[in-house]
Amino acid sequence: MRTLIAEDLLLLLLDDEKGTVAASDKVQPLLGGALLLELAMAERLEVAERTSRWSTAKVAVVDGPTPDDPLLVDALAVVAEKPRRAQDLVNRIGKGLKDRLLHRLADRGLVERREGRVLGLFPHTTWPATDARHEQQVRARLHDALVVGLTPDERTSALVALLAAIDHAHKVVDRSDVPARDVKRRAKEVAEGAWAADAVKDAVAAAQAAIAAAVTAGAAATAASGS
């Protein structure tokens, strides 16, 4: 089954039984970063160098074939509007993306939509797994890379880099008796490894920094609103 990296990420974050999403406060920039990275791997965007010490590196479109996935087409259109920082783009592209991806996964029979109410009053939607075979294959590749130490393919490396950006790589694999710190260290090695062309490495670094910045900003805003 062909899926987007963003779809695989969402499956990894979904609780198969409860149908709820882990790290929900980090999902919007994470999924937006996943689409950015997928476009970079398809050689459709690049991270331009800073023109001065006061400027910020911007993401721009590179000429090439039109993506065959409508979500990538939409993401590319956002990038094409004007050069923007990766931090701006991950939130713009990630807005509303979780729900779109969940409906796609349901259409493919991987999850199902369940409606309920919290305390019998508040509407609540969950997305428990109905067919976990694809997710299990993804987790197996991550286990080989992060626990066993095998060399991952480009797609698995991209997943690791994105999971590392929210400090979640050690939570999606069965570590057995391997300490979490060792899995985190391995995730960092994979993310920084020689698995991608320079343009993609630039995009990985930009996406990781953007996701981390967006998550930090969101946490700060939540804390301020609660004070």
C-alpha atoms as a PDB file:
ATOM      1  CA  MET A   1       0.000   0.000   0.000  1.00  0.00           C
ATOM      2  CA  ARG A   2       1.341   3.398  -0.994  1.00  0.00           C
ATOM      3  CA  THR A   3       0.986   6.021   1.711  1.00  0.00           C
ATOM      4  CA  LEU A   4       2.362   9.461   2.422  1.00  0.00           C
ATOM      5  CA  ILE A   5       4.991   9.848   5.121  1.00  0.00           C
ATOM      6  CA  ALA A   6       2.440  12.020   6.925  1.00  0.00           C
ATOM      7  CA  GLU A   7      -0.070   9.139   6.882  1.00  0.00           C
ATOM      8  CA  ASP A   8       2.478   6.736   8.329  1.00  0.00           C
ATOM      9  CA  LEU A   9       3.304   9.256  11.053  1.00  0.00           C
ATOM     10  CA  LEU A  10      -0.346   9.603  11.975  1.00  0.00           C
ATOM     11  CA  LEU A  11      -0.800   5.827  12.137  1.00  0.00           C
ATOM     12  CA  LEU A  12       2.196   5.632  14.485  1.00  0.00           C
ATOM     13  CA  LEU A  13       0.711   8.296  16.749  1.00  0.00           C
ATOM     14  CA  LEU A  14      -2.779   6.771  16.819  1.00  0.00           C
ATOM     15  CA  ASP A  15      -3.673   4.419  19.653  1.00  0.00           C
ATOM     16  CA  ASP A  16      -4.984   1.374  17.779  1.00  0.00           C
ATOM     17  CA  GLU A  17      -7.646   0.584  20.385  1.00  0.00           C
ATOM     18  CA  LYS A  18      -8.654   3.981  21.758  1.00  0.00           C
ATOM     19  CA  GLY A  19      -8.385   5.720  18.411  1.00  0.00           C
ATOM     20  CA  THR A  20      -6.857   8.837  19.957  1.00  0.00           C
ATOM     21  CA  VAL A  21      -3.739  10.657  18.792  1.00  0.00           C
ATOM     22  CA  ALA A  22      -0.641  10.923  20.964  1.00  0.00           C
ATOM     23  CA  ALA A  23       1.291  14.206  21.081  1.00  0.00           C
ATOM     24  CA  SER A  24      -1.814  15.951  19.735  1.00  0.00           C
ATOM     25  CA  ASP A  25      -0.366  19.394  20.477  1.00  0.00           C
ATOM     26  CA  LYS A  26       2.521  18.641  18.109  1.00  0.00           C
ATOM     27  CA  VAL A  27       0.597  17.055  15.260  1.00  0.00           C
ATOM     28  CA  GLN A  28      -0.141  20.130  13.120  1.00  0.00           C
ATOM     29  CA  PRO A  29       3.483  21.238  12.554  1.00  0.00           C
ATOM     30  CA  LEU A  30       4.671  17.631  12.453  1.00  0.00           C
ATOM     31  CA  LEU A  31       2.320  16.653   9.620  1.00  0.00           C
ATOM     32  CA  GLY A  32       3.037  19.897   7.792  1.00  0.00           C
ATOM     33  CA  GLY A  33       6.737  19.140   8.085  1.00  0.00           C
ATOM     34  CA  ALA A  34       6.139  15.652   6.730  1.00  0.00           C
ATOM     35  CA  LEU A  35       4.589  17.035   3.531  1.00  0.00           C
ATOM     36  CA  LEU A  36       7.440  19.521   3.169  1.00  0.00           C
ATOM     37  CA  LEU A  37       9.966  16.736   3.517  1.00  0.00           C
ATOM     38  CA  GLU A  38       8.123  14.537   1.020  1.00  0.00           C
ATOM     39  CA  LEU A  39       8.201  17.369  -1.509  1.00  0.00           C
ATOM     40  CA  ALA A  40      11.920  17.845  -0.899  1.00  0.00           C
ATOM     41  CA  MET A  41      12.521  14.131  -1.467  1.00  0.00           C
ATOM     42  CA  ALA A  42      10.608  14.473  -4.744  1.00  0.00           C
ATOM     43  CA  GLU A  43      12.954  17.367  -5.660  1.00  0.00           C
ATOM     44  CA  ARG A  44      10.106  19.885  -5.773  1.00  0.00           C
ATOM     45  CA  LEU A  45      11.408  22.349  -3.206  1.00  0.00           C
ATOM     46  CA  GLU A  46      14.638  23.640  -1.750  1.00  0.00           C
ATOM     47  CA  VAL A  47      15.809  25.634   1.237  1.00  0.00           C
ATOM     48  CA  ALA A  48      17.570  28.751  -0.007  1.00  0.00           C
ATOM     49  CA  GLU A  49      20.693  29.931   1.771  1.00  0.00           C
ATOM     50  CA  ARG A  50      20.447  32.965   4.014  1.00  0.00           C
ATOM     51  CA  THR A  51      21.531  36.130   2.241  1.00  0.00           C
ATOM     52  CA  SER A  52      22.814  37.764   5.439  1.00  0.00           C
ATOM     53  CA  ARG A  53      23.278  37.022   9.111  1.00  0.00           C
ATOM     54  CA  TRP A  54      19.988  38.809   9.825  1.00  0.00           C
ATOM     55  CA  SER A  55      17.942  36.978   7.215  1.00  0.00           C
ATOM     56  CA  THR A  56      16.161  33.632   7.585  1.00  0.00           C
ATOM     57  CA  ALA A  57      16.472  30.726   5.161  1.00  0.00           C
ATOM     58  CA  LYS A  58      13.344  30.492   3.005  1.00  0.00           C
ATOM     59  CA  VAL A  59      11.720  27.500   1.307  1.00  0.00           C
ATOM     60  CA  ALA A  60      11.019  27.797  -2.415  1.00  0.00           C
ATOM     61  CA  VAL A  61       9.557  25.625  -5.177  1.00  0.00           C
ATOM     62  CA  VAL A  62      11.770  23.887  -7.730  1.00  0.00           C
ATOM     63  CA  ASP A  63      10.474  23.147 -11.237  1.00  0.00           C
ATOM     64  CA  GLY A  64       9.400  19.572 -11.815  1.00  0.00           C
ATOM     65  CA  PRO A  65       6.464  17.249 -12.424  1.00  0.00           C
ATOM     66  CA  THR A  66       3.185  17.830 -10.621  1.00  0.00           C
ATOM     67  CA  PRO A  67       2.786  15.522  -7.583  1.00  0.00           C
ATOM     68  CA  ASP A  68       0.249  12.751  -8.043  1.00  0.00           C
ATOM     69  CA  ASP A  69      -1.247  13.200  -4.572  1.00  0.00           C
ATOM     70  CA  PRO A  70      -3.738  16.057  -4.005  1.00  0.00           C
ATOM     71  CA  LEU A  71      -2.363  16.798  -0.538  1.00  0.00           C
ATOM     72  CA  LEU A  72       1.109  17.286  -1.973  1.00  0.00           C
ATOM     73  CA  VAL A  73      -0.346  19.457  -4.736  1.00  0.00           C
ATOM     74  CA  ASP A  74      -2.027  21.645  -2.108  1.00  0.00           C
ATOM     75  CA  ALA A  75       1.147  21.834  -0.017  1.00  0.00           C
ATOM     76  CA  LEU A  76       3.215  22.765  -3.054  1.00  0.00           C
ATOM     77  CA  ALA A  77       0.757  25.539  -3.900  1.00  0.00           C
ATOM     78  CA  VAL A  78       1.243  27.028  -0.432  1.00  0.00           C
ATOM     79  CA  VAL A  79       5.024  26.954  -0.839  1.00  0.00           C
ATOM     80  CA  ALA A  80       4.695  28.513  -4.304  1.00  0.00           C
ATOM     81  CA  GLU A  81       2.726  31.535  -3.039  1.00  0.00           C
ATOM     82  CA  LYS A  82       5.950  33.224  -1.917  1.00  0.00           C
ATOM     83  CA  PRO A  83       9.195  32.268  -0.172  1.00  0.00           C
ATOM     84  CA  ARG A  84       8.476  31.596   3.496  1.00  0.00           C
ATOM     85  CA  ARG A  85      10.336  30.256   6.485  1.00  0.00           C
ATOM     86  CA  ALA A  86       9.883  26.576   7.196  1.00  0.00           C
ATOM     87  CA  GLN A  87       8.407  27.501  10.576  1.00  0.00           C
ATOM     88  CA  ASP A  88       5.628  29.432   8.830  1.00  0.00           C
ATOM     89  CA  LEU A  89       5.035  26.666   6.327  1.00  0.00           C
ATOM     90  CA  VAL A  90       4.735  23.700   8.694  1.00  0.00           C
ATOM     91  CA  ASN A  91       1.808  25.341  10.454  1.00  0.00           C
ATOM     92  CA  ARG A  92       0.164  26.657   7.283  1.00  0.00           C
ATOM     93  CA  ILE A  93       0.383  23.300   5.546  1.00  0.00           C
ATOM     94  CA  GLY A  94      -0.423  21.339   8.693  1.00  0.00           C
ATOM     95  CA  LYS A  95      -3.636  23.234   9.467  1.00  0.00           C
ATOM     96  CA  GLY A  96      -6.584  20.856   9.127  1.00  0.00           C
ATOM     97  CA  LEU A  97      -4.302  18.149   7.762  1.00  0.00           C
ATOM     98  CA  LYS A  98      -4.904  15.637  10.548  1.00  0.00           C
ATOM     99  CA  ASP A  99      -8.611  15.359   9.769  1.00  0.00           C
ATOM    100  CA  ARG A 100      -7.999  15.059   6.034  1.00  0.00           C
ATOM    101  CA  LEU A 101      -5.493  12.282   6.616  1.00  0.00           C
ATOM    102  CA  LEU A 102      -7.750  10.458   9.060  1.00  0.00           C
ATOM    103  CA  HIS A 103     -10.580  10.409   6.535  1.00  0.00           C
ATOM    104  CA  ARG A 104      -8.186   9.060   3.885  1.00  0.00           C
ATOM    105  CA  LEU A 105      -7.005   6.325   6.217  1.00  0.00           C
ATOM    106  CA  ALA A 106     -10.627   5.434   6.952  1.00  0.00           C
ATOM    107  CA  ASP A 107     -11.410   5.297   3.226  1.00  0.00           C
ATOM    108  CA  ARG A 108      -8.545   2.816   2.843  1.00  0.00           C
ATOM    109  CA  GLY A 109      -9.899   0.628   5.619  1.00  0.00           C
ATOM    110  CA  LEU A 110      -6.980   1.203   8.000  1.00  0.00           C
ATOM    111  CA  VAL A 111      -9.014   2.984  10.678  1.00  0.00           C
ATOM    112  CA  GLU A 112     -12.681   3.629  11.305  1.00  0.00           C
ATOM    113  CA  ARG A 113     -14.497   6.694  12.511  1.00  0.00           C
ATOM    114  CA  ARG A 114     -16.457   6.304  15.736  1.00  0.00           C
ATOM    115  CA  GLU A 115     -18.699   8.969  17.186  1.00  0.00           C
ATOM    116  CA  GLY A 116     -19.349   9.169  20.902  1.00  0.00           C
ATOM    117  CA  ARG A 117     -19.819  11.589  23.770  1.00  0.00           C
ATOM    118  CA  VAL A 118     -17.600  12.447  26.705  1.00  0.00           C
ATOM    119  CA  LEU A 119     -19.563  12.312  29.980  1.00  0.00           C
ATOM    120  CA  GLY A 120     -22.598  11.749  27.818  1.00  0.00           C
ATOM    121  CA  LEU A 121     -22.552  15.392  26.748  1.00  0.00           C
ATOM    122  CA  PHE A 122     -19.662  16.442  24.520  1.00  0.00           C
ATOM    123  CA  PRO A 123     -19.293  14.990  21.007  1.00  0.00           C
ATOM    124  CA  HIS A 124     -16.082  13.023  20.622  1.00  0.00           C
ATOM    125  CA  THR A 125     -14.648  11.313  17.540  1.00  0.00           C
ATOM    126  CA  THR A 126     -12.103   8.493  17.697  1.00  0.00           C
ATOM    127  CA  TRP A 127     -10.293   6.557  14.958  1.00  0.00           C
ATOM    128  CA  PRO A 128      -9.413   3.022  16.134  1.00  0.00           C
ATOM    129  CA  ALA A 129      -7.475   0.716  13.828  1.00  0.00           C
ATOM    130  CA  THR A 130      -9.345  -1.783  11.662  1.00  0.00           C
ATOM    131  CA  ASP A 131      -6.358  -3.123   9.718  1.00  0.00           C
ATOM    132  CA  ALA A 132      -2.968  -2.664  11.381  1.00  0.00           C
ATOM    133  CA  ARG A 133      -0.868  -4.651   8.898  1.00  0.00           C
ATOM    134  CA  HIS A 134       0.612  -1.632   7.145  1.00  0.00           C
ATOM    135  CA  GLU A 135       1.354   0.103  10.448  1.00  0.00           C
ATOM    136  CA  GLN A 136       3.050  -3.043  11.735  1.00  0.00           C
ATOM    137  CA  GLN A 137       5.320  -3.083   8.679  1.00  0.00           C
ATOM    138  CA  VAL A 138       6.272   0.549   9.306  1.00  0.00           C
ATOM    139  CA  ARG A 139       7.000  -0.174  12.966  1.00  0.00           C
ATOM    140  CA  ALA A 140       9.092  -3.186  11.991  1.00  0.00           C
ATOM    141  CA  ARG A 141      11.285  -1.032   9.746  1.00  0.00           C
ATOM    142  CA  LEU A 142      11.660   1.523  12.518  1.00  0.00           C
ATOM    143  CA  HIS A 143      12.559  -1.241  14.976  1.00  0.00           C
ATOM    144  CA  ASP A 144      15.249  -2.529  12.619  1.00  0.00           C
ATOM    145  CA  ALA A 145      16.692   0.960  12.294  1.00  0.00           C
ATOM    146  CA  LEU A 146      16.435   2.174  15.894  1.00  0.00           C
ATOM    147  CA  VAL A 147      16.771  -0.965  18.003  1.00  0.00           C
ATOM    148  CA  VAL A 148      18.597  -3.511  15.844  1.00  0.00           C
ATOM    149  CA  GLY A 149      20.771  -0.865  14.195  1.00  0.00           C
ATOM    150  CA  LEU A 150      20.230  -1.789  10.542  1.00  0.00           C
ATOM    151  CA  THR A 151      20.640   0.843   7.842  1.00  0.00           C
ATOM    152  CA  PRO A 152      17.190   2.235   6.978  1.00  0.00           C
ATOM    153  CA  ASP A 153      15.931   3.256   3.562  1.00  0.00           C
ATOM    154  CA  GLU A 154      15.290   6.907   2.725  1.00  0.00           C
ATOM    155  CA  ARG A 155      11.617   6.845   3.652  1.00  0.00           C
ATOM    156  CA  THR A 156      12.239   5.231   7.046  1.00  0.00           C
ATOM    157  CA  SER A 157      15.052   7.703   7.693  1.00  0.00           C
ATOM    158  CA  ALA A 158      12.652  10.560   6.978  1.00  0.00           C
ATOM    159  CA  LEU A 159      10.161   9.117   9.453  1.00  0.00           C
ATOM    160  CA  VAL A 160      12.875   8.860  12.081  1.00  0.00           C
ATOM    161  CA  ALA A 161      13.970  12.458  11.495  1.00  0.00           C
ATOM    162  CA  LEU A 162      10.415  13.713  11.947  1.00  0.00           C
ATOM    163  CA  LEU A 163       9.761  11.612  15.045  1.00  0.00           C
ATOM    164  CA  ALA A 164      13.053  12.807  16.519  1.00  0.00           C
ATOM    165  CA  ALA A 165      11.902  16.407  16.058  1.00  0.00           C
ATOM    166  CA  ILE A 166       9.185  15.834  18.694  1.00  0.00           C
ATOM    167  CA  ASP A 167      11.299  13.445  20.798  1.00  0.00           C
ATOM    168  CA  HIS A 168       8.965  10.557  19.993  1.00  0.00           C
ATOM    169  CA  ALA A 169      11.108   8.026  18.125  1.00  0.00           C
ATOM    170  CA  HIS A 170      11.712   5.902  21.223  1.00  0.00           C
ATOM    171  CA  LYS A 171       7.948   5.675  21.842  1.00  0.00           C
ATOM    172  CA  VAL A 172       6.915   4.014  18.580  1.00  0.00           C
ATOM    173  CA  VAL A 173       9.123   0.911  18.778  1.00  0.00           C
ATOM    174  CA  ASP A 174       9.362  -2.063  21.104  1.00  0.00           C
ATOM    175  CA  ARG A 175      12.659  -1.269  22.820  1.00  0.00           C
ATOM    176  CA  SER A 176      12.798  -4.525  24.833  1.00  0.00           C
ATOM    177  CA  ASP A 177      15.707  -3.894  27.203  1.00  0.00           C
ATOM    178  CA  VAL A 178      17.314  -1.164  25.097  1.00  0.00           C
ATOM    179  CA  PRO A 179      17.362   2.114  27.072  1.00  0.00           C
ATOM    180  CA  ALA A 180      15.346   5.007  25.668  1.00  0.00           C
ATOM    181  CA  ARG A 181      18.468   7.176  25.575  1.00  0.00           C
ATOM    182  CA  ASP A 182      20.137   4.695  23.206  1.00  0.00           C
ATOM    183  CA  VAL A 183      17.152   4.752  20.849  1.00  0.00           C
ATOM    184  CA  LYS A 184      17.120   8.556  20.957  1.00  0.00           C
ATOM    185  CA  ARG A 185      20.834   8.617  20.155  1.00  0.00           C
ATOM    186  CA  ARG A 186      20.310   6.228  17.255  1.00  0.00           C
ATOM    187  CA  ALA A 187      17.416   8.348  15.967  1.00  0.00           C
ATOM    188  CA  LYS A 188      19.682  11.402  15.951  1.00  0.00           C
ATOM    189  CA  GLU A 189      22.348   9.440  14.055  1.00  0.00           C
ATOM    190  CA  VAL A 190      19.821   8.320  11.452  1.00  0.00           C
ATOM    191  CA  ALA A 191      18.368  11.800  11.038  1.00  0.00           C
ATOM    192  CA  GLU A 192      21.834  13.266  10.480  1.00  0.00           C
ATOM    193  CA  GLY A 193      23.152  10.368   8.397  1.00  0.00           C
ATOM    194  CA  ALA A 194      24.175  10.260   4.745  1.00  0.00           C
ATOM    195  CA  TRP A 195      20.812   8.966   3.515  1.00  0.00           C
ATOM    196  CA  ALA A 196      19.735  11.973   1.506  1.00  0.00           C
ATOM    197  CA  ALA A 197      20.996  14.457  -1.037  1.00  0.00           C
ATOM    198  CA  ASP A 198      22.168  17.819   0.256  1.00  0.00           C
ATOM    199  CA  ALA A 199      18.910  19.542  -0.702  1.00  0.00           C
ATOM    200  CA  VAL A 200      16.913  17.012   1.303  1.00  0.00           C
ATOM    201  CA  LYS A 201      19.321  17.307   4.250  1.00  0.00           C
ATOM    202  CA  ASP A 202      18.689  21.042   4.229  1.00  0.00           C
ATOM    203  CA  ALA A 203      14.946  20.390   4.205  1.00  0.00           C
ATOM    204  CA  VAL A 204      15.251  17.865   7.049  1.00  0.00           C
ATOM    205  CA  ALA A 205      17.171  20.338   9.183  1.00  0.00           C
ATOM    206  CA  ALA A 206      14.723  23.132   8.371  1.00  0.00           C
ATOM    207  CA  ALA A 207      11.674  20.956   9.052  1.00  0.00           C
ATOM    208  CA  GLN A 208      13.076  19.678  12.344  1.00  0.00           C
ATOM    209  CA  ALA A 209      13.894  23.185  13.522  1.00  0.00           C
ATOM    210  CA  ALA A 210      10.509  24.481  12.366  1.00  0.00           C
ATOM    211  CA  ILE A 211       8.571  21.700  14.105  1.00  0.00           C
ATOM    212  CA  ALA A 212      10.515  22.193  17.338  1.00  0.00           C
ATOM    213  CA  ALA A 213       9.987  25.968  17.198  1.00  0.00           C
ATOM    214  CA  ALA A 214       6.280  25.615  16.448  1.00  0.00           C
ATOM    215  CA  VAL A 215       5.793  23.146  19.302  1.00  0.00           C
ATOM    216  CA  THR A 216       7.681  25.415  21.711  1.00  0.00           C
ATOM    217  CA  ALA A 217       5.655  28.443  20.631  1.00  0.00           C
ATOM    218  CA  GLY A 218       2.416  26.507  21.047  1.00  0.00           C
ATOM    219  CA  ALA A 219       3.376  25.334  24.525  1.00  0.00           C
ATOM    220  CA  ALA A 220       4.308  28.877  25.524  1.00  0.00           C
ATOM    221  CA  ALA A 221       0.992  30.226  24.256  1.00  0.00           C
ATOM    222  CA  THR A 222      -0.923  27.545  26.150  1.00  0.00           C
ATOM    223  CA  ALA A 223       0.977  28.293  29.339  1.00  0.00           C
ATOM    224  CA  ALA A 224       0.350  32.031  28.957  1.00  0.00           C
ATOM    225  CA  SER A 225      -3.377  31.553  28.388  1.00  0.00           C
ATOM    226  CA  GLY A 226      -3.618  29.410  31.498  1.00  0.00           C
ATOM    227  CA  SER A 227      -1.794  31.849  33.756  1.00  0.00           C
END
